[in-house]
């Protein structure tokens, strides 16, 4: 997915690129905040809980995008590009693509 997004002029890195494989979901979200990046995940349930926790506790984040594994990666990449073209700032939001 990251390669597809980069090819579409979206700055993207992977958990592997950032040496984050094996880290907890909360560590991933906190790390995305330090990088000032939106977090893209397949892990809908856990990140919905984290999103709710952050919302209820007024904790800032740069946004979470939850994607399904059922849709092909090209369609998902297109949807993400469309999202960013219409919403310059997705901070503190949870989006589904």
PDB file of N, CA and C in Angstrom:
ATOM      1  N   UNK A   1       0.819  -1.183   0.000  1.00  0.00           N
ATOM      2  CA  UNK A   1       0.000   0.000   0.000  1.00  0.00           C
ATOM      3  C   UNK A   1       0.873   1.260   0.000  1.00  0.00           C
ATOM      4  N   UNK A   2       1.928   1.260   0.785  1.00  0.00           N
ATOM      5  CA  UNK A   2       2.781   2.446   0.857  1.00  0.00           C
ATOM      6  C   UNK A   2       3.352   2.801  -0.513  1.00  0.00           C
ATOM      7  N   UNK A   3       3.790   1.804  -1.266  1.00  0.00           N
ATOM      8  CA  UNK A   3       4.350   2.071  -2.597  1.00  0.00           C
ATOM      9  C   UNK A   3       3.296   2.677  -3.522  1.00  0.00           C
ATOM     10  N   UNK A   4       2.073   2.169  -3.444  1.00  0.00           N
ATOM     11  CA  UNK A   4       0.991   2.732  -4.262  1.00  0.00           C
ATOM     12  C   UNK A   4       0.716   4.184  -3.880  1.00  0.00           C
ATOM     13  N   UNK A   5       0.689   4.464  -2.595  1.00  0.00           N
ATOM     14  CA  UNK A   5       0.418   5.833  -2.149  1.00  0.00           C
ATOM     15  C   UNK A   5       1.546   6.772  -2.556  1.00  0.00           C
ATOM     16  N   UNK A   6       2.771   6.328  -2.402  1.00  0.00           N
ATOM     17  CA  UNK A   6       3.917   7.155  -2.807  1.00  0.00           C
ATOM     18  C   UNK A   6       3.853   7.434  -4.304  1.00  0.00           C
ATOM     19  N   UNK A   7       3.466   6.434  -5.089  1.00  0.00           N
ATOM     20  CA  UNK A   7       3.362   6.648  -6.537  1.00  0.00           C
ATOM     21  C   UNK A   7       2.269   7.653  -6.888  1.00  0.00           C
ATOM     22  N   UNK A   8       1.367   7.884  -5.946  1.00  0.00           N
ATOM     23  CA  UNK A   8       0.279   8.852  -6.137  1.00  0.00           C
ATOM     24  C   UNK A   8       0.539  10.153  -5.378  1.00  0.00           C
ATOM     25  N   UNK A   9       1.807  10.400  -5.061  1.00  0.00           N
ATOM     26  CA  UNK A   9       2.268  11.652  -4.452  1.00  0.00           C
ATOM     27  C   UNK A   9       1.825  11.824  -2.998  1.00  0.00           C
ATOM     28  N   UNK A  10       1.606  10.715  -2.301  1.00  0.00           N
ATOM     29  CA  UNK A  10       1.303  10.771  -0.875  1.00  0.00           C
ATOM     30  C   UNK A  10       2.520  10.213  -0.133  1.00  0.00           C
ATOM     31  N   UNK A  11       3.033  10.989   0.803  1.00  0.00           N
ATOM     32  CA  UNK A  11       4.193  10.598   1.592  1.00  0.00           C
ATOM     33  C   UNK A  11       3.763   9.497   2.569  1.00  0.00           C
ATOM     34  N   UNK A  12       4.239   8.285   2.365  1.00  0.00           N
ATOM     35  CA  UNK A  12       3.840   7.154   3.191  1.00  0.00           C
ATOM     36  C   UNK A  12       5.049   6.322   3.583  1.00  0.00           C
ATOM     37  N   UNK A  13       5.012   5.803   4.804  1.00  0.00           N
ATOM     38  CA  UNK A  13       6.022   4.865   5.288  1.00  0.00           C
ATOM     39  C   UNK A  13       5.293   3.694   5.935  1.00  0.00           C
ATOM     40  N   UNK A  14       5.995   2.599   6.073  1.00  0.00           N
ATOM     41  CA  UNK A  14       5.396   1.413   6.675  1.00  0.00           C
ATOM     42  C   UNK A  14       5.912   1.218   8.100  1.00  0.00           C
ATOM     43  N   UNK A  15       5.224   0.355   8.839  1.00  0.00           N
ATOM     44  CA  UNK A  15       5.697  -0.012  10.174  1.00  0.00           C
ATOM     45  C   UNK A  15       7.088  -0.628  10.072  1.00  0.00           C
ATOM     46  N   UNK A  16       7.318  -1.390   9.025  1.00  0.00           N
ATOM     47  CA  UNK A  16       8.642  -1.986   8.813  1.00  0.00           C
ATOM     48  C   UNK A  16       9.695  -0.891   8.597  1.00  0.00           C
ATOM     49  N   UNK A  17       9.358   0.122   7.773  1.00  0.00           N
ATOM     50  CA  UNK A  17      10.293   1.233   7.535  1.00  0.00           C
ATOM     51  C   UNK A  17      10.702   1.913   8.836  1.00  0.00           C
ATOM     52  N   UNK A  18       9.775   1.953   9.784  1.00  0.00           N
ATOM     53  CA  UNK A  18       9.984   2.672  11.048  1.00  0.00           C
ATOM     54  C   UNK A  18      10.399   1.760  12.190  1.00  0.00           C
ATOM     55  N   UNK A  19      10.733   0.512  11.871  1.00  0.00           N
ATOM     56  CA  UNK A  19      11.120  -0.467  12.897  1.00  0.00           C
ATOM     57  C   UNK A  19      10.069  -0.608  13.994  1.00  0.00           C
ATOM     58  N   UNK A  20       8.796  -0.644  13.597  1.00  0.00           N
ATOM     59  CA  UNK A  20       7.699  -0.721  14.556  1.00  0.00           C
ATOM     60  C   UNK A  20       6.992  -2.082  14.547  1.00  0.00           C
ATOM     61  N   UNK A  21       7.470  -3.030  13.759  1.00  0.00           N
ATOM     62  CA  UNK A  21       6.831  -4.348  13.733  1.00  0.00           C
ATOM     63  C   UNK A  21       6.881  -4.959  15.131  1.00  0.00           C
ATOM     64  N   UNK A  22       5.764  -5.533  15.556  1.00  0.00           N
ATOM     65  CA  UNK A  22       5.696  -6.167  16.862  1.00  0.00           C
ATOM     66  C   UNK A  22       5.337  -5.235  18.001  1.00  0.00           C
ATOM     67  N   UNK A  23       5.226  -3.952  17.721  1.00  0.00           N
ATOM     68  CA  UNK A  23       4.864  -2.978  18.765  1.00  0.00           C
ATOM     69  C   UNK A  23       3.349  -2.980  18.960  1.00  0.00           C
ATOM     70  N   UNK A  24       2.906  -2.487  20.097  1.00  0.00           N
ATOM     71  CA  UNK A  24       1.477  -2.436  20.398  1.00  0.00           C
ATOM     72  C   UNK A  24       0.777  -1.381  19.539  1.00  0.00           C
ATOM     73  N   UNK A  25      -0.532  -1.513  19.447  1.00  0.00           N
ATOM     74  CA  UNK A  25      -1.320  -0.533  18.690  1.00  0.00           C
ATOM     75  C   UNK A  25      -1.131   0.871  19.247  1.00  0.00           C
ATOM     76  N   UNK A  26      -1.131   0.984  20.566  1.00  0.00           N
ATOM     77  CA  UNK A  26      -0.952   2.303  21.170  1.00  0.00           C
ATOM     78  C   UNK A  26       0.430   2.873  20.855  1.00  0.00           C
ATOM     79  N   UNK A  27       1.444   2.026  20.836  1.00  0.00           N
ATOM     80  CA  UNK A  27       2.785   2.496  20.465  1.00  0.00           C
ATOM     81  C   UNK A  27       2.799   2.997  19.025  1.00  0.00           C
ATOM     82  N   UNK A  28       2.088   2.297  18.138  1.00  0.00           N
ATOM     83  CA  UNK A  28       2.004   2.746  16.746  1.00  0.00           C
ATOM     84  C   UNK A  28       1.345   4.109  16.648  1.00  0.00           C
ATOM     85  N   UNK A  29       0.245   4.302  17.365  1.00  0.00           N
ATOM     86  CA  UNK A  29      -0.456   5.583  17.304  1.00  0.00           C
ATOM     87  C   UNK A  29       0.401   6.694  17.897  1.00  0.00           C
ATOM     88  N   UNK A  30       1.024   6.435  19.021  1.00  0.00           N
ATOM     89  CA  UNK A  30       1.904   7.449  19.634  1.00  0.00           C
ATOM     90  C   UNK A  30       3.062   7.791  18.703  1.00  0.00           C
ATOM     91  N   UNK A  31       3.631   6.777  18.057  1.00  0.00           N
ATOM     92  CA  UNK A  31       4.744   7.029  17.141  1.00  0.00           C
ATOM     93  C   UNK A  31       4.283   7.844  15.939  1.00  0.00           C
ATOM     94  N   UNK A  32       3.084   7.562  15.433  1.00  0.00           N
ATOM     95  CA  UNK A  32       2.562   8.347  14.305  1.00  0.00           C
ATOM     96  C   UNK A  32       2.406   9.810  14.697  1.00  0.00           C
ATOM     97  N   UNK A  33       2.091  10.047  15.949  1.00  0.00           N
ATOM     98  CA  UNK A  33       1.963  11.434  16.437  1.00  0.00           C
ATOM     99  C   UNK A  33       3.332  12.109  16.442  1.00  0.00           C
ATOM    100  N   UNK A  34       4.363  11.398  16.890  1.00  0.00           N
ATOM    101  CA  UNK A  34       5.701  12.016  16.898  1.00  0.00           C
ATOM    102  C   UNK A  34       6.171  12.343  15.491  1.00  0.00           C
ATOM    103  N   UNK A  35       5.718  11.543  14.511  1.00  0.00           N
ATOM    104  CA  UNK A  35       6.089  11.785  13.117  1.00  0.00           C
ATOM    105  C   UNK A  35       5.143  12.764  12.416  1.00  0.00           C
ATOM    106  N   UNK A  36       4.069  13.165  13.110  1.00  0.00           N
ATOM    107  CA  UNK A  36       3.043  14.050  12.543  1.00  0.00           C
ATOM    108  C   UNK A  36       2.419  13.413  11.308  1.00  0.00           C
ATOM    109  N   UNK A  37       2.038  12.128  11.455  1.00  0.00           N
ATOM    110  CA  UNK A  37       1.482  11.362  10.348  1.00  0.00           C
ATOM    111  C   UNK A  37       0.135  10.762  10.700  1.00  0.00           C
ATOM    112  N   UNK A  38      -0.660  10.576   9.678  1.00  0.00           N
ATOM    113  CA  UNK A  38      -1.908   9.832   9.784  1.00  0.00           C
ATOM    114  C   UNK A  38      -1.547   8.353   9.848  1.00  0.00           C
ATOM    115  N   UNK A  39      -2.261   7.593  10.655  1.00  0.00           N
ATOM    116  CA  UNK A  39      -2.016   6.168  10.770  1.00  0.00           C
ATOM    117  C   UNK A  39      -3.014   5.406   9.905  1.00  0.00           C
ATOM    118  N   UNK A  40      -2.525   4.499   9.100  1.00  0.00           N
ATOM    119  CA  UNK A  40      -3.348   3.663   8.225  1.00  0.00           C
ATOM    120  C   UNK A  40      -3.278   2.236   8.751  1.00  0.00           C
ATOM    121  N   UNK A  41      -4.444   1.604   8.955  1.00  0.00           N
ATOM    122  CA  UNK A  41      -4.470   0.285   9.576  1.00  0.00           C
ATOM    123  C   UNK A  41      -5.550  -0.614   8.995  1.00  0.00           C
ATOM    124  N   UNK A  42      -5.332  -1.926   9.137  1.00  0.00           N
ATOM    125  CA  UNK A  42      -6.373  -2.920   8.868  1.00  0.00           C
ATOM    126  C   UNK A  42      -7.066  -3.304  10.176  1.00  0.00           C
ATOM    127  N   UNK A  43      -6.494  -2.902  11.288  1.00  0.00           N
ATOM    128  CA  UNK A  43      -6.928  -3.336  12.611  1.00  0.00           C
ATOM    129  C   UNK A  43      -8.064  -2.445  13.123  1.00  0.00           C
ATOM    130  N   UNK A  44      -9.219  -2.602  12.539  1.00  0.00           N
ATOM    131  CA  UNK A  44     -10.360  -1.734  12.813  1.00  0.00           C
ATOM    132  C   UNK A  44     -10.784  -1.740  14.284  1.00  0.00           C
ATOM    133  N   UNK A  45     -11.000  -2.911  14.844  1.00  0.00           N
ATOM    134  CA  UNK A  45     -11.545  -2.980  16.202  1.00  0.00           C
ATOM    135  C   UNK A  45     -10.657  -2.313  17.248  1.00  0.00           C
ATOM    136  N   UNK A  46      -9.375  -2.646  17.241  1.00  0.00           N
ATOM    137  CA  UNK A  46      -8.482  -2.091  18.251  1.00  0.00           C
ATOM    138  C   UNK A  46      -8.288  -0.586  18.080  1.00  0.00           C
ATOM    139  N   UNK A  47      -8.202  -0.128  16.835  1.00  0.00           N
ATOM    140  CA  UNK A  47      -7.994   1.300  16.630  1.00  0.00           C
ATOM    141  C   UNK A  47      -9.271   2.112  16.841  1.00  0.00           C
ATOM    142  N   UNK A  48     -10.434   1.495  16.690  1.00  0.00           N
ATOM    143  CA  UNK A  48     -11.672   2.185  17.083  1.00  0.00           C
ATOM    144  C   UNK A  48     -11.658   2.441  18.581  1.00  0.00           C
ATOM    145  N   UNK A  49     -11.209   1.470  19.351  1.00  0.00           N
ATOM    146  CA  UNK A  49     -11.115   1.628  20.810  1.00  0.00           C
ATOM    147  C   UNK A  49     -10.104   2.712  21.168  1.00  0.00           C
ATOM    148  N   UNK A  50      -8.947   2.692  20.516  1.00  0.00           N
ATOM    149  CA  UNK A  50      -7.946   3.728  20.774  1.00  0.00           C
ATOM    150  C   UNK A  50      -8.465   5.107  20.378  1.00  0.00           C
ATOM    151  N   UNK A  51      -9.129   5.186  19.237  1.00  0.00           N
ATOM    152  CA  UNK A  51      -9.710   6.449  18.789  1.00  0.00           C
ATOM    153  C   UNK A  51     -10.686   6.984  19.835  1.00  0.00           C
ATOM    154  N   UNK A  52     -11.562   6.121  20.329  1.00  0.00           N
ATOM    155  CA  UNK A  52     -12.540   6.528  21.344  1.00  0.00           C
ATOM    156  C   UNK A  52     -11.839   6.991  22.616  1.00  0.00           C
ATOM    157  N   UNK A  53     -10.809   6.269  23.033  1.00  0.00           N
ATOM    158  CA  UNK A  53     -10.037   6.663  24.222  1.00  0.00           C
ATOM    159  C   UNK A  53      -9.407   8.047  24.017  1.00  0.00           C
ATOM    160  N   UNK A  54      -8.802   8.257  22.874  1.00  0.00           N
ATOM    161  CA  UNK A  54      -8.178   9.548  22.591  1.00  0.00           C
ATOM    162  C   UNK A  54      -9.229  10.655  22.549  1.00  0.00           C
ATOM    163  N   UNK A  55     -10.366  10.379  21.933  1.00  0.00           N
ATOM    164  CA  UNK A  55     -11.439  11.360  21.843  1.00  0.00           C
ATOM    165  C   UNK A  55     -11.966  11.722  23.230  1.00  0.00           C
ATOM    166  N   UNK A  56     -12.263  10.721  24.039  1.00  0.00           N
ATOM    167  CA  UNK A  56     -12.808  10.949  25.380  1.00  0.00           C
ATOM    168  C   UNK A  56     -11.830  11.667  26.298  1.00  0.00           C
ATOM    169  N   UNK A  57     -10.535  11.489  26.053  1.00  0.00           N
ATOM    170  CA  UNK A  57      -9.518  12.101  26.898  1.00  0.00           C
ATOM    171  C   UNK A  57      -8.861  13.320  26.248  1.00  0.00           C
ATOM    172  N   UNK A  58      -9.460  13.763  25.139  1.00  0.00           N
ATOM    173  CA  UNK A  58      -8.985  14.963  24.447  1.00  0.00           C
ATOM    174  C   UNK A  58      -7.488  14.885  24.129  1.00  0.00           C
ATOM    175  N   UNK A  59      -7.057  13.718  23.615  1.00  0.00           N
ATOM    176  CA  UNK A  59      -5.664  13.515  23.230  1.00  0.00           C
ATOM    177  C   UNK A  59      -5.567  13.697  21.716  1.00  0.00           C
ATOM    178  N   UNK A  60      -4.674  14.559  21.289  1.00  0.00           N
ATOM    179  CA  UNK A  60      -4.525  14.886  19.879  1.00  0.00           C
ATOM    180  C   UNK A  60      -3.818  13.756  19.121  1.00  0.00           C
ATOM    181  N   UNK A  61      -4.262  13.517  17.896  1.00  0.00           N
ATOM    182  CA  UNK A  61      -3.556  12.652  16.951  1.00  0.00           C
ATOM    183  C   UNK A  61      -3.805  13.205  15.550  1.00  0.00           C
ATOM    184  N   UNK A  62      -3.045  12.728  14.583  1.00  0.00           N
ATOM    185  CA  UNK A  62      -3.112  13.248  13.217  1.00  0.00           C
ATOM    186  C   UNK A  62      -4.120  12.528  12.334  1.00  0.00           C
ATOM    187  N   UNK A  63      -4.864  11.596  12.917  1.00  0.00           N
ATOM    188  CA  UNK A  63      -5.902  10.897  12.187  1.00  0.00           C
ATOM    189  C   UNK A  63      -5.597   9.420  12.036  1.00  0.00           C
ATOM    190  N   UNK A  64      -6.687   8.644  11.893  1.00  0.00           N
ATOM    191  CA  UNK A  64      -6.589   7.205  11.693  1.00  0.00           C
ATOM    192  C   UNK A  64      -7.458   6.862  10.493  1.00  0.00           C
ATOM    193  N   UNK A  65      -6.895   6.086   9.587  1.00  0.00           N
ATOM    194  CA  UNK A  65      -7.660   5.577   8.454  1.00  0.00           C
ATOM    195  C   UNK A  65      -7.691   4.062   8.582  1.00  0.00           C
ATOM    196  N   UNK A  66      -8.886   3.525   8.644  1.00  0.00           N
ATOM    197  CA  UNK A  66      -9.074   2.084   8.740  1.00  0.00           C
ATOM    198  C   UNK A  66      -9.493   1.562   7.373  1.00  0.00           C
ATOM    199  N   UNK A  67      -8.762   0.576   6.885  1.00  0.00           N
ATOM    200  CA  UNK A  67      -9.088   0.020   5.573  1.00  0.00           C
ATOM    201  C   UNK A  67      -9.434  -1.457   5.715  1.00  0.00           C
ATOM    202  N   UNK A  68     -10.259  -1.931   4.833  1.00  0.00           N
ATOM    203  CA  UNK A  68     -10.661  -3.331   4.839  1.00  0.00           C
ATOM    204  C   UNK A  68      -9.733  -4.164   3.969  1.00  0.00           C
ATOM    205  N   UNK A  69      -9.556  -5.400   4.336  1.00  0.00           N
ATOM    206  CA  UNK A  69      -8.739  -6.314   3.529  1.00  0.00           C
ATOM    207  C   UNK A  69      -9.549  -6.894   2.372  1.00  0.00           C
ATOM    208  N   UNK A  70     -10.855  -6.671   2.386  1.00  0.00           N
ATOM    209  CA  UNK A  70     -11.738  -7.244   1.362  1.00  0.00           C
ATOM    210  C   UNK A  70     -11.674  -6.481   0.043  1.00  0.00           C
ATOM    211  N   UNK A  71     -11.215  -5.251   0.069  1.00  0.00           N
ATOM    212  CA  UNK A  71     -11.144  -4.426  -1.134  1.00  0.00           C
ATOM    213  C   UNK A  71      -9.726  -4.506  -1.695  1.00  0.00           C
ATOM    214  N   UNK A  72      -9.603  -4.495  -3.013  1.00  0.00           N
ATOM    215  CA  UNK A  72      -8.259  -4.576  -3.590  1.00  0.00           C
ATOM    216  C   UNK A  72      -7.467  -3.308  -3.271  1.00  0.00           C
ATOM    217  N   UNK A  73      -6.150  -3.446  -3.256  1.00  0.00           N
ATOM    218  CA  UNK A  73      -5.282  -2.352  -2.822  1.00  0.00           C
ATOM    219  C   UNK A  73      -5.361  -1.134  -3.741  1.00  0.00           C
ATOM    220  N   UNK A  74      -5.614  -1.337  -5.009  1.00  0.00           N
ATOM    221  CA  UNK A  74      -5.684  -0.210  -5.949  1.00  0.00           C
ATOM    222  C   UNK A  74      -6.914   0.656  -5.658  1.00  0.00           C
ATOM    223  N   UNK A  75      -8.036   0.009  -5.384  1.00  0.00           N
ATOM    224  CA  UNK A  75      -9.248   0.754  -5.029  1.00  0.00           C
ATOM    225  C   UNK A  75      -9.056   1.483  -3.708  1.00  0.00           C
ATOM    226  N   UNK A  76      -8.440   0.808  -2.753  1.00  0.00           N
ATOM    227  CA  UNK A  76      -8.184   1.431  -1.459  1.00  0.00           C
ATOM    228  C   UNK A  76      -7.252   2.627  -1.608  1.00  0.00           C
ATOM    229  N   UNK A  77      -6.184   2.480  -2.374  1.00  0.00           N
ATOM    230  CA  UNK A  77      -5.258   3.596  -2.597  1.00  0.00           C
ATOM    231  C   UNK A  77      -5.990   4.765  -3.249  1.00  0.00           C
ATOM    232  N   UNK A  78      -6.841   4.475  -4.220  1.00  0.00           N
ATOM    233  CA  UNK A  78      -7.622   5.530  -4.875  1.00  0.00           C
ATOM    234  C   UNK A  78      -8.511   6.254  -3.860  1.00  0.00           C
ATOM    235  N   UNK A  79      -9.148   5.505  -2.987  1.00  0.00           N
ATOM    236  CA  UNK A  79     -10.014   6.115  -1.972  1.00  0.00           C
ATOM    237  C   UNK A  79      -9.225   6.995  -1.006  1.00  0.00           C
ATOM    238  N   UNK A  80      -8.033   6.560  -0.656  1.00  0.00           N
ATOM    239  CA  UNK A  80      -7.193   7.363   0.242  1.00  0.00           C
ATOM    240  C   UNK A  80      -6.768   8.653  -0.450  1.00  0.00           C
ATOM    241  N   UNK A  81      -6.377   8.561  -1.701  1.00  0.00           N
ATOM    242  CA  UNK A  81      -6.019   9.768  -2.465  1.00  0.00           C
ATOM    243  C   UNK A  81      -7.212  10.721  -2.516  1.00  0.00           C
ATOM    244  N   UNK A  82      -8.402  10.195  -2.782  1.00  0.00           N
ATOM    245  CA  UNK A  82      -9.617  11.022  -2.817  1.00  0.00           C
ATOM    246  C   UNK A  82      -9.875  11.668  -1.466  1.00  0.00           C
ATOM    247  N   UNK A  83      -9.700  10.917  -0.398  1.00  0.00           N
ATOM    248  CA  UNK A  83      -9.899  11.451   0.951  1.00  0.00           C
ATOM    249  C   UNK A  83      -8.998  12.649   1.196  1.00  0.00           C
ATOM    250  N   UNK A  84      -7.713  12.503   0.877  1.00  0.00           N
ATOM    251  CA  UNK A  84      -6.776  13.601   1.109  1.00  0.00           C
ATOM    252  C   UNK A  84      -6.996  14.770   0.158  1.00  0.00           C
ATOM    253  N   UNK A  85      -7.515  14.514  -1.019  1.00  0.00           N
ATOM    254  CA  UNK A  85      -7.766  15.623  -1.938  1.00  0.00           C
ATOM    255  C   UNK A  85      -8.949  16.473  -1.477  1.00  0.00           C
ATOM    256  N   UNK A  86      -9.846  15.878  -0.703  1.00  0.00           N
ATOM    257  CA  UNK A  86     -11.027  16.603  -0.226  1.00  0.00           C
ATOM    258  C   UNK A  86     -10.903  17.064   1.218  1.00  0.00           C
ATOM    259  N   UNK A  87     -10.014  16.447   1.992  1.00  0.00           N
ATOM    260  CA  UNK A  87      -9.866  16.740   3.415  1.00  0.00           C
ATOM    261  C   UNK A  87      -8.394  16.936   3.737  1.00  0.00           C
ATOM    262  N   UNK A  88      -7.953  18.158   3.695  1.00  0.00           N
ATOM    263  CA  UNK A  88      -6.544  18.436   3.921  1.00  0.00           C
ATOM    264  C   UNK A  88      -6.124  18.062   5.347  1.00  0.00           C
ATOM    265  N   UNK A  89      -7.035  18.173   6.290  1.00  0.00           N
ATOM    266  CA  UNK A  89      -6.707  17.899   7.682  1.00  0.00           C
ATOM    267  C   UNK A  89      -7.661  16.845   8.232  1.00  0.00           C
ATOM    268  N   UNK A  90      -7.140  15.697   8.561  1.00  0.00           N
ATOM    269  CA  UNK A  90      -7.957  14.634   9.143  1.00  0.00           C
ATOM    270  C   UNK A  90      -7.604  14.419  10.620  1.00  0.00           C
ATOM    271  N   UNK A  91      -6.943  15.391  11.214  1.00  0.00           N
ATOM    272  CA  UNK A  91      -6.546  15.295  12.615  1.00  0.00           C
ATOM    273  C   UNK A  91      -7.741  14.977  13.500  1.00  0.00           C
ATOM    274  N   UNK A  92      -7.494  14.110  14.474  1.00  0.00           N
ATOM    275  CA  UNK A  92      -8.495  13.698  15.461  1.00  0.00           C
ATOM    276  C   UNK A  92      -9.726  13.042  14.852  1.00  0.00           C
ATOM    277  N   UNK A  93      -9.598  12.512  13.658  1.00  0.00           N
ATOM    278  CA  UNK A  93     -10.715  11.859  13.003  1.00  0.00           C
ATOM    279  C   UNK A  93     -10.375  10.403  12.709  1.00  0.00           C
ATOM    280  N   UNK A  94     -11.434   9.599  12.557  1.00  0.00           N
ATOM    281  CA  UNK A  94     -11.320   8.211  12.141  1.00  0.00           C
ATOM    282  C   UNK A  94     -12.091   8.049  10.847  1.00  0.00           C
ATOM    283  N   UNK A  95     -11.414   7.589   9.804  1.00  0.00           N
ATOM    284  CA  UNK A  95     -12.030   7.411   8.483  1.00  0.00           C
ATOM    285  C   UNK A  95     -11.970   5.943   8.095  1.00  0.00           C
ATOM    286  N   UNK A  96     -12.976   5.506   7.347  1.00  0.00           N
ATOM    287  CA  UNK A  96     -13.028   4.149   6.823  1.00  0.00           C
ATOM    288  C   UNK A  96     -12.950   4.211   5.298  1.00  0.00           C
ATOM    289  N   UNK A  97     -12.029   3.421   4.730  1.00  0.00           N
ATOM    290  CA  UNK A  97     -11.914   3.361   3.266  1.00  0.00           C
ATOM    291  C   UNK A  97     -11.958   1.915   2.815  1.00  0.00           C
TER     292      UNK A  97
END
